[in-house]
């Protein structure tokens, strides 16, 4: 799910955080709580009856669950299915589905092995062994269950305590694909070899670098060839206005042209800042481009080039608020939403 586009989205409004947790709802939480209390080993006839009636028998009701869907959760149970919401709209669904299906297949395989082992070792019946294995799974997966607000800072702190990863940038997140655990999983399930996994990783890293590189060049072009010239044109209009006021009012012109002079100075400051930031961004891009290692290059674009985007954007936004609306060449947010 990590990508140059999704880095902007995850953790923002109406999008889940980069921390992967699971929301299962009130009814399913109760079912798991019942299963967690299963006796270790053989079950009494009363416990078997209770589990079948009050736990297994409630599953059809769970499938019609009407509880809060928790829009802040990246992986939520929504009645009769789980929704993985963290994937970006631009992404091909084949990639996350391959990973999810491989994980599920591995878990089912392990589940069968553990149930068979309990039946053989402790002479348990099949349903007793199943309930015992499920109990341990429930205990071992509590850290990823979260019913609260995924946007809050409190959840970030809590997730850190639980040992959950929080990779906020694509270069860091993509490393999980080529971890020893991931490679071993894909190889064991005959999904991908180590070479195939590493090849996909290299492609994704290069894709990230190219996208940030293109975005950087486009931003520099828009700021340098559209925003700044428009600001200069408006500044010249203000200078002409101030000159006219000076001719009319003489030494008292500053009293009448105070706001115009203030605007002229502010525009100059923002223009200088934009040019300075663009030059620094280009220098950072040049340093990144000579790197031969794809992973290092992606990290450099992420850490050294991308931070300039917000800085340049800030000064462009300020000029947008100052420059005459009739002169501004780019569509403004209010125009996209309400006018044009």
C-alpha atoms as a PDB file:
ATOM      1  CA  UNK A   1       0.000   0.000   0.000  1.00  0.00           C
ATOM      2  CA  UNK A   2       3.031   2.281   0.302  1.00  0.00           C
ATOM      3  CA  UNK A   3       3.478   4.690  -2.608  1.00  0.00           C
ATOM      4  CA  UNK A   4       4.451   8.296  -3.329  1.00  0.00           C
ATOM      5  CA  UNK A   5       0.768   9.205  -3.654  1.00  0.00           C
ATOM      6  CA  UNK A   6      -0.373   7.318  -0.565  1.00  0.00           C
ATOM      7  CA  UNK A   7       2.222   9.025   1.654  1.00  0.00           C
ATOM      8  CA  UNK A   8       0.092  12.192   1.381  1.00  0.00           C
ATOM      9  CA  UNK A   9      -3.134  10.325   2.124  1.00  0.00           C
ATOM     10  CA  UNK A  10      -2.458   7.958   5.035  1.00  0.00           C
ATOM     11  CA  UNK A  11      -3.261   9.587   8.343  1.00  0.00           C
ATOM     12  CA  UNK A  12      -5.127  12.477   6.728  1.00  0.00           C
ATOM     13  CA  UNK A  13      -8.862  13.116   6.939  1.00  0.00           C
ATOM     14  CA  UNK A  14     -11.056  10.273   5.650  1.00  0.00           C
ATOM     15  CA  UNK A  15      -8.051   7.981   5.275  1.00  0.00           C
ATOM     16  CA  UNK A  16      -6.634   5.394   7.694  1.00  0.00           C
ATOM     17  CA  UNK A  17      -3.271   5.814   9.442  1.00  0.00           C
ATOM     18  CA  UNK A  18      -0.071   4.078   8.363  1.00  0.00           C
ATOM     19  CA  UNK A  19      -0.284   1.912  11.511  1.00  0.00           C
ATOM     20  CA  UNK A  20      -1.967  -1.354  10.608  1.00  0.00           C
ATOM     21  CA  UNK A  21      -4.570  -2.407  13.163  1.00  0.00           C
ATOM     22  CA  UNK A  22      -7.823  -4.357  12.949  1.00  0.00           C
ATOM     23  CA  UNK A  23     -11.296  -3.186  13.949  1.00  0.00           C
ATOM     24  CA  UNK A  24     -13.697  -6.103  14.516  1.00  0.00           C
ATOM     25  CA  UNK A  25     -16.726  -4.477  16.131  1.00  0.00           C
ATOM     26  CA  UNK A  26     -18.591  -5.093  19.368  1.00  0.00           C
ATOM     27  CA  UNK A  27     -20.227  -8.426  18.503  1.00  0.00           C
ATOM     28  CA  UNK A  28     -17.118 -10.132  17.160  1.00  0.00           C
ATOM     29  CA  UNK A  29     -15.140  -8.833  20.159  1.00  0.00           C
ATOM     30  CA  UNK A  30     -17.606 -10.635  22.456  1.00  0.00           C
ATOM     31  CA  UNK A  31     -17.247 -13.853  20.472  1.00  0.00           C
ATOM     32  CA  UNK A  32     -13.437 -13.735  20.739  1.00  0.00           C
ATOM     33  CA  UNK A  33     -13.679 -12.993  24.460  1.00  0.00           C
ATOM     34  CA  UNK A  34     -15.783 -16.143  24.908  1.00  0.00           C
ATOM     35  CA  UNK A  35     -13.278 -18.216  22.953  1.00  0.00           C
ATOM     36  CA  UNK A  36     -10.369 -16.806  24.953  1.00  0.00           C
ATOM     37  CA  UNK A  37     -11.859 -18.292  28.110  1.00  0.00           C
ATOM     38  CA  UNK A  38     -11.826 -21.849  26.785  1.00  0.00           C
ATOM     39  CA  UNK A  39     -10.362 -24.414  29.191  1.00  0.00           C
ATOM     40  CA  UNK A  40      -6.841 -25.586  28.416  1.00  0.00           C
ATOM     41  CA  UNK A  41      -7.067 -29.175  27.208  1.00  0.00           C
ATOM     42  CA  UNK A  42     -10.229 -31.267  27.185  1.00  0.00           C
ATOM     43  CA  UNK A  43     -13.580 -29.497  27.488  1.00  0.00           C
ATOM     44  CA  UNK A  44     -16.395 -30.528  29.761  1.00  0.00           C
ATOM     45  CA  UNK A  45     -19.738 -31.458  28.135  1.00  0.00           C
ATOM     46  CA  UNK A  46     -21.270 -28.289  29.615  1.00  0.00           C
ATOM     47  CA  UNK A  47     -18.517 -26.079  28.146  1.00  0.00           C
ATOM     48  CA  UNK A  48     -18.888 -27.712  24.740  1.00  0.00           C
ATOM     49  CA  UNK A  49     -22.610 -27.081  24.757  1.00  0.00           C
ATOM     50  CA  UNK A  50     -22.141 -23.496  25.875  1.00  0.00           C
ATOM     51  CA  UNK A  51     -19.560 -22.803  23.153  1.00  0.00           C
ATOM     52  CA  UNK A  52     -21.690 -24.293  20.414  1.00  0.00           C
ATOM     53  CA  UNK A  53     -24.827 -22.452  21.480  1.00  0.00           C
ATOM     54  CA  UNK A  54     -23.447 -19.113  22.650  1.00  0.00           C
ATOM     55  CA  UNK A  55     -20.337 -18.716  20.494  1.00  0.00           C
ATOM     56  CA  UNK A  56     -20.580 -20.750  17.284  1.00  0.00           C
ATOM     57  CA  UNK A  57     -24.330 -20.234  17.228  1.00  0.00           C
ATOM     58  CA  UNK A  58     -23.894 -16.464  17.293  1.00  0.00           C
ATOM     59  CA  UNK A  59     -21.708 -16.313  14.177  1.00  0.00           C
ATOM     60  CA  UNK A  60     -24.663 -15.772  11.787  1.00  0.00           C
ATOM     61  CA  UNK A  61     -25.595 -12.717  13.892  1.00  0.00           C
ATOM     62  CA  UNK A  62     -22.022 -11.459  13.694  1.00  0.00           C
ATOM     63  CA  UNK A  63     -22.168 -11.604   9.899  1.00  0.00           C
ATOM     64  CA  UNK A  64     -25.044  -9.124  10.077  1.00  0.00           C
ATOM     65  CA  UNK A  65     -23.143  -6.864  12.455  1.00  0.00           C
ATOM     66  CA  UNK A  66     -24.511  -3.303  12.552  1.00  0.00           C
ATOM     67  CA  UNK A  67     -21.929  -1.694  14.830  1.00  0.00           C
ATOM     68  CA  UNK A  68     -19.840   1.361  13.989  1.00  0.00           C
ATOM     69  CA  UNK A  69     -17.631   0.678  10.971  1.00  0.00           C
ATOM     70  CA  UNK A  70     -14.859   2.908  12.348  1.00  0.00           C
ATOM     71  CA  UNK A  71     -13.744   4.941   9.353  1.00  0.00           C
ATOM     72  CA  UNK A  72     -10.342   5.544  10.950  1.00  0.00           C
ATOM     73  CA  UNK A  73      -9.370   1.860  10.827  1.00  0.00           C
ATOM     74  CA  UNK A  74      -7.161   0.572   7.980  1.00  0.00           C
ATOM     75  CA  UNK A  75      -8.516  -2.986   8.297  1.00  0.00           C
ATOM     76  CA  UNK A  76     -12.115  -3.179   9.472  1.00  0.00           C
ATOM     77  CA  UNK A  77     -14.776  -5.847   9.831  1.00  0.00           C
ATOM     78  CA  UNK A  78     -17.924  -4.443   8.229  1.00  0.00           C
ATOM     79  CA  UNK A  79     -20.620  -7.042   8.713  1.00  0.00           C
ATOM     80  CA  UNK A  80     -19.773  -9.996   6.473  1.00  0.00           C
ATOM     81  CA  UNK A  81     -16.251  -9.110   5.360  1.00  0.00           C
ATOM     82  CA  UNK A  82     -13.043  -7.306   6.197  1.00  0.00           C
ATOM     83  CA  UNK A  83     -12.182  -4.117   4.304  1.00  0.00           C
ATOM     84  CA  UNK A  84      -8.545  -3.233   3.710  1.00  0.00           C
ATOM     85  CA  UNK A  85      -8.837   0.531   3.280  1.00  0.00           C
ATOM     86  CA  UNK A  86      -5.227   1.650   3.321  1.00  0.00           C
ATOM     87  CA  UNK A  87      -4.539   0.861  -0.338  1.00  0.00           C
ATOM     88  CA  UNK A  88      -4.472   3.939  -2.566  1.00  0.00           C
ATOM     89  CA  UNK A  89      -6.932   4.364  -5.449  1.00  0.00           C
ATOM     90  CA  UNK A  90      -4.031   4.449  -7.924  1.00  0.00           C
ATOM     91  CA  UNK A  91      -2.706   1.056  -6.818  1.00  0.00           C
ATOM     92  CA  UNK A  92      -3.271  -2.261  -8.576  1.00  0.00           C
ATOM     93  CA  UNK A  93      -5.286  -4.422  -6.181  1.00  0.00           C
ATOM     94  CA  UNK A  94      -3.325  -7.530  -7.249  1.00  0.00           C
ATOM     95  CA  UNK A  95      -0.346  -6.573  -5.086  1.00  0.00           C
ATOM     96  CA  UNK A  96      -2.132  -6.258  -1.700  1.00  0.00           C
ATOM     97  CA  UNK A  97      -4.391  -9.223  -2.525  1.00  0.00           C
ATOM     98  CA  UNK A  98      -1.343 -11.394  -3.210  1.00  0.00           C
ATOM     99  CA  UNK A  99       0.102 -10.485   0.182  1.00  0.00           C
ATOM    100  CA  UNK A 100      -3.182 -10.918   2.086  1.00  0.00           C
ATOM    101  CA  UNK A 101      -4.037 -14.243   0.446  1.00  0.00           C
ATOM    102  CA  UNK A 102      -0.542 -15.553   1.127  1.00  0.00           C
ATOM    103  CA  UNK A 103      -0.810 -14.585   4.798  1.00  0.00           C
ATOM    104  CA  UNK A 104      -4.238 -16.245   5.123  1.00  0.00           C
ATOM    105  CA  UNK A 105      -3.034 -19.396   3.362  1.00  0.00           C
ATOM    106  CA  UNK A 106       0.006 -19.629   5.640  1.00  0.00           C
ATOM    107  CA  UNK A 107      -2.153 -19.166   8.730  1.00  0.00           C
ATOM    108  CA  UNK A 108      -4.637 -21.848   7.656  1.00  0.00           C
ATOM    109  CA  UNK A 109      -1.754 -24.210   6.966  1.00  0.00           C
ATOM    110  CA  UNK A 110      -0.255 -23.579  10.420  1.00  0.00           C
ATOM    111  CA  UNK A 111      -3.699 -23.890  12.005  1.00  0.00           C
ATOM    112  CA  UNK A 112      -4.185 -27.375  10.519  1.00  0.00           C
ATOM    113  CA  UNK A 113      -0.730 -28.475  11.687  1.00  0.00           C
ATOM    114  CA  UNK A 114      -1.336 -27.225  15.256  1.00  0.00           C
ATOM    115  CA  UNK A 115      -4.797 -28.797  15.508  1.00  0.00           C
ATOM    116  CA  UNK A 116      -3.502 -32.161  14.256  1.00  0.00           C
ATOM    117  CA  UNK A 117      -0.598 -31.979  16.718  1.00  0.00           C
ATOM    118  CA  UNK A 118      -2.948 -31.398  19.659  1.00  0.00           C
ATOM    119  CA  UNK A 119      -5.179 -34.274  18.606  1.00  0.00           C
ATOM    120  CA  UNK A 120      -2.194 -36.609  18.372  1.00  0.00           C
ATOM    121  CA  UNK A 121      -0.347 -35.424  21.488  1.00  0.00           C
ATOM    122  CA  UNK A 122      -3.192 -34.889  23.968  1.00  0.00           C
ATOM    123  CA  UNK A 123      -5.845 -37.224  22.589  1.00  0.00           C
ATOM    124  CA  UNK A 124      -8.264 -34.321  22.077  1.00  0.00           C
ATOM    125  CA  UNK A 125     -11.289 -34.412  19.851  1.00  0.00           C
ATOM    126  CA  UNK A 126     -11.206 -32.204  16.784  1.00  0.00           C
ATOM    127  CA  UNK A 127     -13.504 -29.489  18.154  1.00  0.00           C
ATOM    128  CA  UNK A 128     -11.569 -29.402  21.435  1.00  0.00           C
ATOM    129  CA  UNK A 129      -8.274 -29.004  19.591  1.00  0.00           C
ATOM    130  CA  UNK A 130      -9.738 -26.250  17.388  1.00  0.00           C
ATOM    131  CA  UNK A 131     -10.991 -24.272  20.372  1.00  0.00           C
ATOM    132  CA  UNK A 132      -7.624 -24.634  22.141  1.00  0.00           C
ATOM    133  CA  UNK A 133      -5.667 -23.375  19.138  1.00  0.00           C
ATOM    134  CA  UNK A 134      -8.103 -20.504  18.590  1.00  0.00           C
ATOM    135  CA  UNK A 135      -7.711 -19.484  22.216  1.00  0.00           C
ATOM    136  CA  UNK A 136      -3.945 -19.077  21.811  1.00  0.00           C
ATOM    137  CA  UNK A 137      -4.376 -17.190  18.534  1.00  0.00           C
ATOM    138  CA  UNK A 138      -6.747 -14.748  20.188  1.00  0.00           C
ATOM    139  CA  UNK A 139      -4.291 -14.107  23.024  1.00  0.00           C
ATOM    140  CA  UNK A 140      -1.416 -13.641  20.589  1.00  0.00           C
ATOM    141  CA  UNK A 141      -3.183 -11.146  18.318  1.00  0.00           C
ATOM    142  CA  UNK A 142      -4.583  -8.707  20.878  1.00  0.00           C
ATOM    143  CA  UNK A 143      -1.939  -6.096  20.056  1.00  0.00           C
ATOM    144  CA  UNK A 144      -3.357  -5.484  16.587  1.00  0.00           C
ATOM    145  CA  UNK A 145      -6.981  -5.097  17.723  1.00  0.00           C
ATOM    146  CA  UNK A 146      -8.033  -1.473  18.115  1.00  0.00           C
ATOM    147  CA  UNK A 147     -11.532  -0.027  18.341  1.00  0.00           C
ATOM    148  CA  UNK A 148     -10.704   3.661  18.905  1.00  0.00           C
ATOM    149  CA  UNK A 149      -9.726   6.709  16.868  1.00  0.00           C
ATOM    150  CA  UNK A 150      -6.890   5.808  14.505  1.00  0.00           C
ATOM    151  CA  UNK A 151      -6.174   9.491  13.778  1.00  0.00           C
ATOM    152  CA  UNK A 152      -5.290  10.467  17.347  1.00  0.00           C
ATOM    153  CA  UNK A 153      -1.785  10.947  18.726  1.00  0.00           C
ATOM    154  CA  UNK A 154      -2.774   8.742  21.654  1.00  0.00           C
ATOM    155  CA  UNK A 155      -3.067   5.784  19.265  1.00  0.00           C
ATOM    156  CA  UNK A 156       0.428   6.430  17.868  1.00  0.00           C
ATOM    157  CA  UNK A 157       1.840   6.264  21.385  1.00  0.00           C
ATOM    158  CA  UNK A 158      -0.206   3.190  22.258  1.00  0.00           C
ATOM    159  CA  UNK A 159       0.784   1.442  19.012  1.00  0.00           C
ATOM    160  CA  UNK A 160       4.436   2.067  19.796  1.00  0.00           C
ATOM    161  CA  UNK A 161       3.957   0.444  23.212  1.00  0.00           C
ATOM    162  CA  UNK A 162       2.334  -2.542  21.504  1.00  0.00           C
ATOM    163  CA  UNK A 163       5.298  -2.897  19.144  1.00  0.00           C
ATOM    164  CA  UNK A 164       3.354  -2.072  15.971  1.00  0.00           C
ATOM    165  CA  UNK A 165       5.228  -0.550  13.044  1.00  0.00           C
ATOM    166  CA  UNK A 166       4.485   3.001  11.901  1.00  0.00           C
ATOM    167  CA  UNK A 167       6.321   3.538   8.620  1.00  0.00           C
ATOM    168  CA  UNK A 168       5.309   7.028   7.498  1.00  0.00           C
ATOM    169  CA  UNK A 169       7.360   7.089   4.290  1.00  0.00           C
ATOM    170  CA  UNK A 170       7.376   4.715   1.335  1.00  0.00           C
ATOM    171  CA  UNK A 171      11.144   3.943   1.336  1.00  0.00           C
ATOM    172  CA  UNK A 172      10.910   2.750   4.933  1.00  0.00           C
ATOM    173  CA  UNK A 173       7.670   0.834   4.423  1.00  0.00           C
ATOM    174  CA  UNK A 174       8.878  -0.991   1.304  1.00  0.00           C
ATOM    175  CA  UNK A 175      11.742  -2.583   3.233  1.00  0.00           C
ATOM    176  CA  UNK A 176       9.174  -4.896   4.838  1.00  0.00           C
ATOM    177  CA  UNK A 177       8.752  -6.598   1.455  1.00  0.00           C
ATOM    178  CA  UNK A 178      12.345  -7.842   1.445  1.00  0.00           C
ATOM    179  CA  UNK A 179      12.637  -8.665   5.130  1.00  0.00           C
ATOM    180  CA  UNK A 180      13.772 -12.215   5.924  1.00  0.00           C
ATOM    181  CA  UNK A 181      10.309 -13.015   7.274  1.00  0.00           C
ATOM    182  CA  UNK A 182       8.517 -11.850   4.118  1.00  0.00           C
ATOM    183  CA  UNK A 183      10.875 -13.636   1.730  1.00  0.00           C
ATOM    184  CA  UNK A 184      10.578 -16.857   3.743  1.00  0.00           C
ATOM    185  CA  UNK A 185       6.763 -16.599   3.696  1.00  0.00           C
ATOM    186  CA  UNK A 186       6.517 -16.191  -0.083  1.00  0.00           C
ATOM    187  CA  UNK A 187       9.020 -18.985  -0.679  1.00  0.00           C
ATOM    188  CA  UNK A 188       7.315 -21.401   1.710  1.00  0.00           C
ATOM    189  CA  UNK A 189       3.920 -20.831   0.082  1.00  0.00           C
ATOM    190  CA  UNK A 190       5.420 -21.092  -3.444  1.00  0.00           C
ATOM    191  CA  UNK A 191       4.127 -17.635  -4.336  1.00  0.00           C
ATOM    192  CA  UNK A 192       7.409 -15.896  -5.179  1.00  0.00           C
ATOM    193  CA  UNK A 193      11.065 -16.779  -5.014  1.00  0.00           C
ATOM    194  CA  UNK A 194      13.585 -14.523  -3.276  1.00  0.00           C
ATOM    195  CA  UNK A 195      14.703 -13.150  -6.651  1.00  0.00           C
ATOM    196  CA  UNK A 196      11.109 -12.353  -7.673  1.00  0.00           C
ATOM    197  CA  UNK A 197      10.406 -10.616  -4.365  1.00  0.00           C
ATOM    198  CA  UNK A 198      13.569  -8.530  -4.575  1.00  0.00           C
ATOM    199  CA  UNK A 199      12.809  -7.632  -8.206  1.00  0.00           C
ATOM    200  CA  UNK A 200       9.387  -6.287  -7.231  1.00  0.00           C
ATOM    201  CA  UNK A 201      10.978  -4.327  -4.413  1.00  0.00           C
ATOM    202  CA  UNK A 202      13.486  -2.699  -6.773  1.00  0.00           C
ATOM    203  CA  UNK A 203      10.716  -1.748  -9.209  1.00  0.00           C
ATOM    204  CA  UNK A 204       8.630  -0.160  -6.429  1.00  0.00           C
ATOM    205  CA  UNK A 205      11.627   1.757  -5.077  1.00  0.00           C
ATOM    206  CA  UNK A 206      12.469   3.066  -8.551  1.00  0.00           C
ATOM    207  CA  UNK A 207       8.826   3.986  -9.176  1.00  0.00           C
ATOM    208  CA  UNK A 208       8.795   6.023  -5.972  1.00  0.00           C
ATOM    209  CA  UNK A 209      11.994   7.854  -6.944  1.00  0.00           C
ATOM    210  CA  UNK A 210      10.692   8.690 -10.424  1.00  0.00           C
ATOM    211  CA  UNK A 211       7.400  10.023  -9.102  1.00  0.00           C
ATOM    212  CA  UNK A 212       9.036  12.305  -6.541  1.00  0.00           C
ATOM    213  CA  UNK A 213      11.546  13.424  -9.177  1.00  0.00           C
ATOM    214  CA  UNK A 214       8.753  14.335 -11.627  1.00  0.00           C
ATOM    215  CA  UNK A 215       6.739  16.045  -8.895  1.00  0.00           C
ATOM    216  CA  UNK A 216       9.812  18.078  -7.941  1.00  0.00           C
ATOM    217  CA  UNK A 217      10.398  19.233 -11.507  1.00  0.00           C
ATOM    218  CA  UNK A 218       6.741  20.113 -12.045  1.00  0.00           C
ATOM    219  CA  UNK A 219       6.619  22.047  -8.782  1.00  0.00           C
ATOM    220  CA  UNK A 220       9.739  23.997  -9.749  1.00  0.00           C
ATOM    221  CA  UNK A 221       8.246  24.790 -13.153  1.00  0.00           C
ATOM    222  CA  UNK A 222       4.895  25.957 -11.777  1.00  0.00           C
ATOM    223  CA  UNK A 223       6.464  28.064  -9.039  1.00  0.00           C
ATOM    224  CA  UNK A 224       9.192  29.572 -11.228  1.00  0.00           C
ATOM    225  CA  UNK A 225       7.290  30.044 -14.499  1.00  0.00           C
ATOM    226  CA  UNK A 226       3.756  30.775 -13.315  1.00  0.00           C
ATOM    227  CA  UNK A 227       3.576  31.899  -9.688  1.00  0.00           C
ATOM    228  CA  UNK A 228       6.650  34.153  -9.518  1.00  0.00           C
ATOM    229  CA  UNK A 229       6.075  36.009 -12.841  1.00  0.00           C
ATOM    230  CA  UNK A 230       2.459  36.683 -11.832  1.00  0.00           C
ATOM    231  CA  UNK A 231       3.587  37.988  -8.451  1.00  0.00           C
ATOM    232  CA  UNK A 232       6.150  40.251 -10.144  1.00  0.00           C
ATOM    233  CA  UNK A 233       3.488  41.601 -12.505  1.00  0.00           C
ATOM    234  CA  UNK A 234       1.220  42.439  -9.582  1.00  0.00           C
ATOM    235  CA  UNK A 235       4.148  43.939  -7.694  1.00  0.00           C
ATOM    236  CA  UNK A 236       4.871  46.226 -10.670  1.00  0.00           C
ATOM    237  CA  UNK A 237       1.251  47.359 -10.583  1.00  0.00           C
ATOM    238  CA  UNK A 238       1.634  48.220  -6.907  1.00  0.00           C
ATOM    239  CA  UNK A 239       4.897  50.084  -7.579  1.00  0.00           C
ATOM    240  CA  UNK A 240       3.171  52.090 -10.302  1.00  0.00           C
ATOM    241  CA  UNK A 241       0.359  52.878  -7.882  1.00  0.00           C
ATOM    242  CA  UNK A 242       2.811  54.018  -5.193  1.00  0.00           C
ATOM    243  CA  UNK A 243       4.654  56.179  -7.745  1.00  0.00           C
ATOM    244  CA  UNK A 244       1.372  57.825  -8.696  1.00  0.00           C
ATOM    245  CA  UNK A 245       0.486  58.504  -5.073  1.00  0.00           C
ATOM    246  CA  UNK A 246       3.916  60.072  -4.545  1.00  0.00           C
ATOM    247  CA  UNK A 247       3.324  62.407  -7.470  1.00  0.00           C
ATOM    248  CA  UNK A 248      -0.035  63.447  -6.039  1.00  0.00           C
ATOM    249  CA  UNK A 249       0.741  63.665  -2.302  1.00  0.00           C
ATOM    250  CA  UNK A 250       4.452  64.452  -2.335  1.00  0.00           C
ATOM    251  CA  UNK A 251       6.174  63.812   1.013  1.00  0.00           C
ATOM    252  CA  UNK A 252       2.913  62.581   2.551  1.00  0.00           C
ATOM    253  CA  UNK A 253       2.582  59.700   0.074  1.00  0.00           C
ATOM    254  CA  UNK A 254       3.816  57.056   2.563  1.00  0.00           C
ATOM    255  CA  UNK A 255       0.773  57.669   4.733  1.00  0.00           C
ATOM    256  CA  UNK A 256      -1.503  56.881   1.782  1.00  0.00           C
ATOM    257  CA  UNK A 257       0.606  54.068   0.314  1.00  0.00           C
ATOM    258  CA  UNK A 258       1.477  52.195   3.506  1.00  0.00           C
ATOM    259  CA  UNK A 259      -0.434  49.016   2.635  1.00  0.00           C
ATOM    260  CA  UNK A 260       0.874  48.959  -0.937  1.00  0.00           C
ATOM    261  CA  UNK A 261       4.478  49.332   0.258  1.00  0.00           C
ATOM    262  CA  UNK A 262       3.933  46.578   2.819  1.00  0.00           C
ATOM    263  CA  UNK A 263       2.582  44.278   0.097  1.00  0.00           C
ATOM    264  CA  UNK A 264       5.529  45.076  -2.195  1.00  0.00           C
ATOM    265  CA  UNK A 265       7.983  44.068   0.542  1.00  0.00           C
ATOM    266  CA  UNK A 266       6.083  40.866   1.416  1.00  0.00           C
ATOM    267  CA  UNK A 267       5.876  39.826  -2.234  1.00  0.00           C
ATOM    268  CA  UNK A 268       9.616  40.348  -2.598  1.00  0.00           C
ATOM    269  CA  UNK A 269      10.279  38.184   0.473  1.00  0.00           C
ATOM    270  CA  UNK A 270       8.117  35.336  -0.838  1.00  0.00           C
ATOM    271  CA  UNK A 271       9.612  35.553  -4.342  1.00  0.00           C
ATOM    272  CA  UNK A 272      13.127  35.396  -2.908  1.00  0.00           C
ATOM    273  CA  UNK A 273      12.186  32.444  -0.711  1.00  0.00           C
ATOM    274  CA  UNK A 274      10.656  30.545  -3.641  1.00  0.00           C
ATOM    275  CA  UNK A 275      13.739  31.033  -5.825  1.00  0.00           C
ATOM    276  CA  UNK A 276      16.020  30.058  -2.959  1.00  0.00           C
ATOM    277  CA  UNK A 277      14.036  26.908  -2.144  1.00  0.00           C
ATOM    278  CA  UNK A 278      13.848  25.875  -5.809  1.00  0.00           C
ATOM    279  CA  UNK A 279      17.637  26.240  -6.157  1.00  0.00           C
ATOM    280  CA  UNK A 280      18.201  24.195  -3.006  1.00  0.00           C
ATOM    281  CA  UNK A 281      15.739  21.556  -4.212  1.00  0.00           C
ATOM    282  CA  UNK A 282      17.525  21.264  -7.551  1.00  0.00           C
ATOM    283  CA  UNK A 283      20.871  20.870  -5.765  1.00  0.00           C
ATOM    284  CA  UNK A 284      19.411  18.124  -3.571  1.00  0.00           C
ATOM    285  CA  UNK A 285      17.994  16.429  -6.659  1.00  0.00           C
ATOM    286  CA  UNK A 286      21.377  16.513  -8.413  1.00  0.00           C
ATOM    287  CA  UNK A 287      23.039  14.876  -5.408  1.00  0.00           C
ATOM    288  CA  UNK A 288      20.374  12.162  -5.349  1.00  0.00           C
ATOM    289  CA  UNK A 289      20.623  11.520  -9.096  1.00  0.00           C
ATOM    290  CA  UNK A 290      24.297  10.536  -8.958  1.00  0.00           C
ATOM    291  CA  UNK A 291      23.600   7.816  -6.392  1.00  0.00           C
ATOM    292  CA  UNK A 292      23.831   4.355  -7.954  1.00  0.00           C
ATOM    293  CA  UNK A 293      22.084   2.425  -5.182  1.00  0.00           C
ATOM    294  CA  UNK A 294      18.313   2.536  -5.806  1.00  0.00           C
ATOM    295  CA  UNK A 295      17.468   2.301  -2.115  1.00  0.00           C
ATOM    296  CA  UNK A 296      19.782   5.184  -1.170  1.00  0.00           C
ATOM    297  CA  UNK A 297      18.460   7.301  -4.038  1.00  0.00           C
ATOM    298  CA  UNK A 298      14.834   6.762  -2.927  1.00  0.00           C
ATOM    299  CA  UNK A 299      15.753   7.658   0.647  1.00  0.00           C
ATOM    300  CA  UNK A 300      17.515  10.815  -0.553  1.00  0.00           C
ATOM    301  CA  UNK A 301      14.522  11.919  -2.603  1.00  0.00           C
ATOM    302  CA  UNK A 302      12.302  11.251   0.410  1.00  0.00           C
ATOM    303  CA  UNK A 303      14.452  12.928   3.061  1.00  0.00           C
ATOM    304  CA  UNK A 304      16.313  15.625   1.105  1.00  0.00           C
ATOM    305  CA  UNK A 305      14.160  16.579  -1.914  1.00  0.00           C
ATOM    306  CA  UNK A 306      10.565  16.067  -0.829  1.00  0.00           C
ATOM    307  CA  UNK A 307      10.722  18.387   2.258  1.00  0.00           C
ATOM    308  CA  UNK A 308      11.138  21.356  -0.113  1.00  0.00           C
ATOM    309  CA  UNK A 309       7.664  20.714  -1.517  1.00  0.00           C
ATOM    310  CA  UNK A 310       5.891  22.017   1.574  1.00  0.00           C
ATOM    311  CA  UNK A 311       8.261  24.986   1.921  1.00  0.00           C
ATOM    312  CA  UNK A 312       7.745  26.113  -1.673  1.00  0.00           C
ATOM    313  CA  UNK A 313       4.022  25.453  -1.425  1.00  0.00           C
ATOM    314  CA  UNK A 314       3.802  27.651   1.666  1.00  0.00           C
ATOM    315  CA  UNK A 315       5.224  30.716  -0.108  1.00  0.00           C
ATOM    316  CA  UNK A 316       3.125  30.089  -3.235  1.00  0.00           C
ATOM    317  CA  UNK A 317      -0.006  29.899  -1.086  1.00  0.00           C
ATOM    318  CA  UNK A 318       0.874  33.206   0.555  1.00  0.00           C
ATOM    319  CA  UNK A 319       1.310  34.880  -2.840  1.00  0.00           C
ATOM    320  CA  UNK A 320      -2.008  33.440  -3.980  1.00  0.00           C
ATOM    321  CA  UNK A 321      -3.714  35.342  -1.164  1.00  0.00           C
ATOM    322  CA  UNK A 322      -1.941  38.604  -2.056  1.00  0.00           C
ATOM    323  CA  UNK A 323      -2.029  38.727  -5.852  1.00  0.00           C
ATOM    324  CA  UNK A 324      -5.023  40.147  -7.708  1.00  0.00           C
ATOM    325  CA  UNK A 325      -7.456  37.336  -8.482  1.00  0.00           C
ATOM    326  CA  UNK A 326      -7.768  38.520 -12.096  1.00  0.00           C
ATOM    327  CA  UNK A 327      -4.038  38.000 -12.612  1.00  0.00           C
ATOM    328  CA  UNK A 328      -3.650  34.644 -10.900  1.00  0.00           C
ATOM    329  CA  UNK A 329      -3.151  31.999 -13.666  1.00  0.00           C
ATOM    330  CA  UNK A 330      -3.878  28.847 -11.657  1.00  0.00           C
ATOM    331  CA  UNK A 331      -7.225  27.522 -10.495  1.00  0.00           C
ATOM    332  CA  UNK A 332      -7.833  28.112  -6.796  1.00  0.00           C
ATOM    333  CA  UNK A 333      -9.420  25.590  -4.453  1.00  0.00           C
ATOM    334  CA  UNK A 334     -12.595  27.613  -4.019  1.00  0.00           C
ATOM    335  CA  UNK A 335     -12.928  27.820  -7.807  1.00  0.00           C
ATOM    336  CA  UNK A 336     -12.553  24.068  -8.219  1.00  0.00           C
ATOM    337  CA  UNK A 337     -15.125  23.390  -5.513  1.00  0.00           C
ATOM    338  CA  UNK A 338     -17.733  26.070  -5.963  1.00  0.00           C
ATOM    339  CA  UNK A 339     -17.376  28.225  -9.090  1.00  0.00           C
ATOM    340  CA  UNK A 340     -15.764  26.684 -12.177  1.00  0.00           C
END
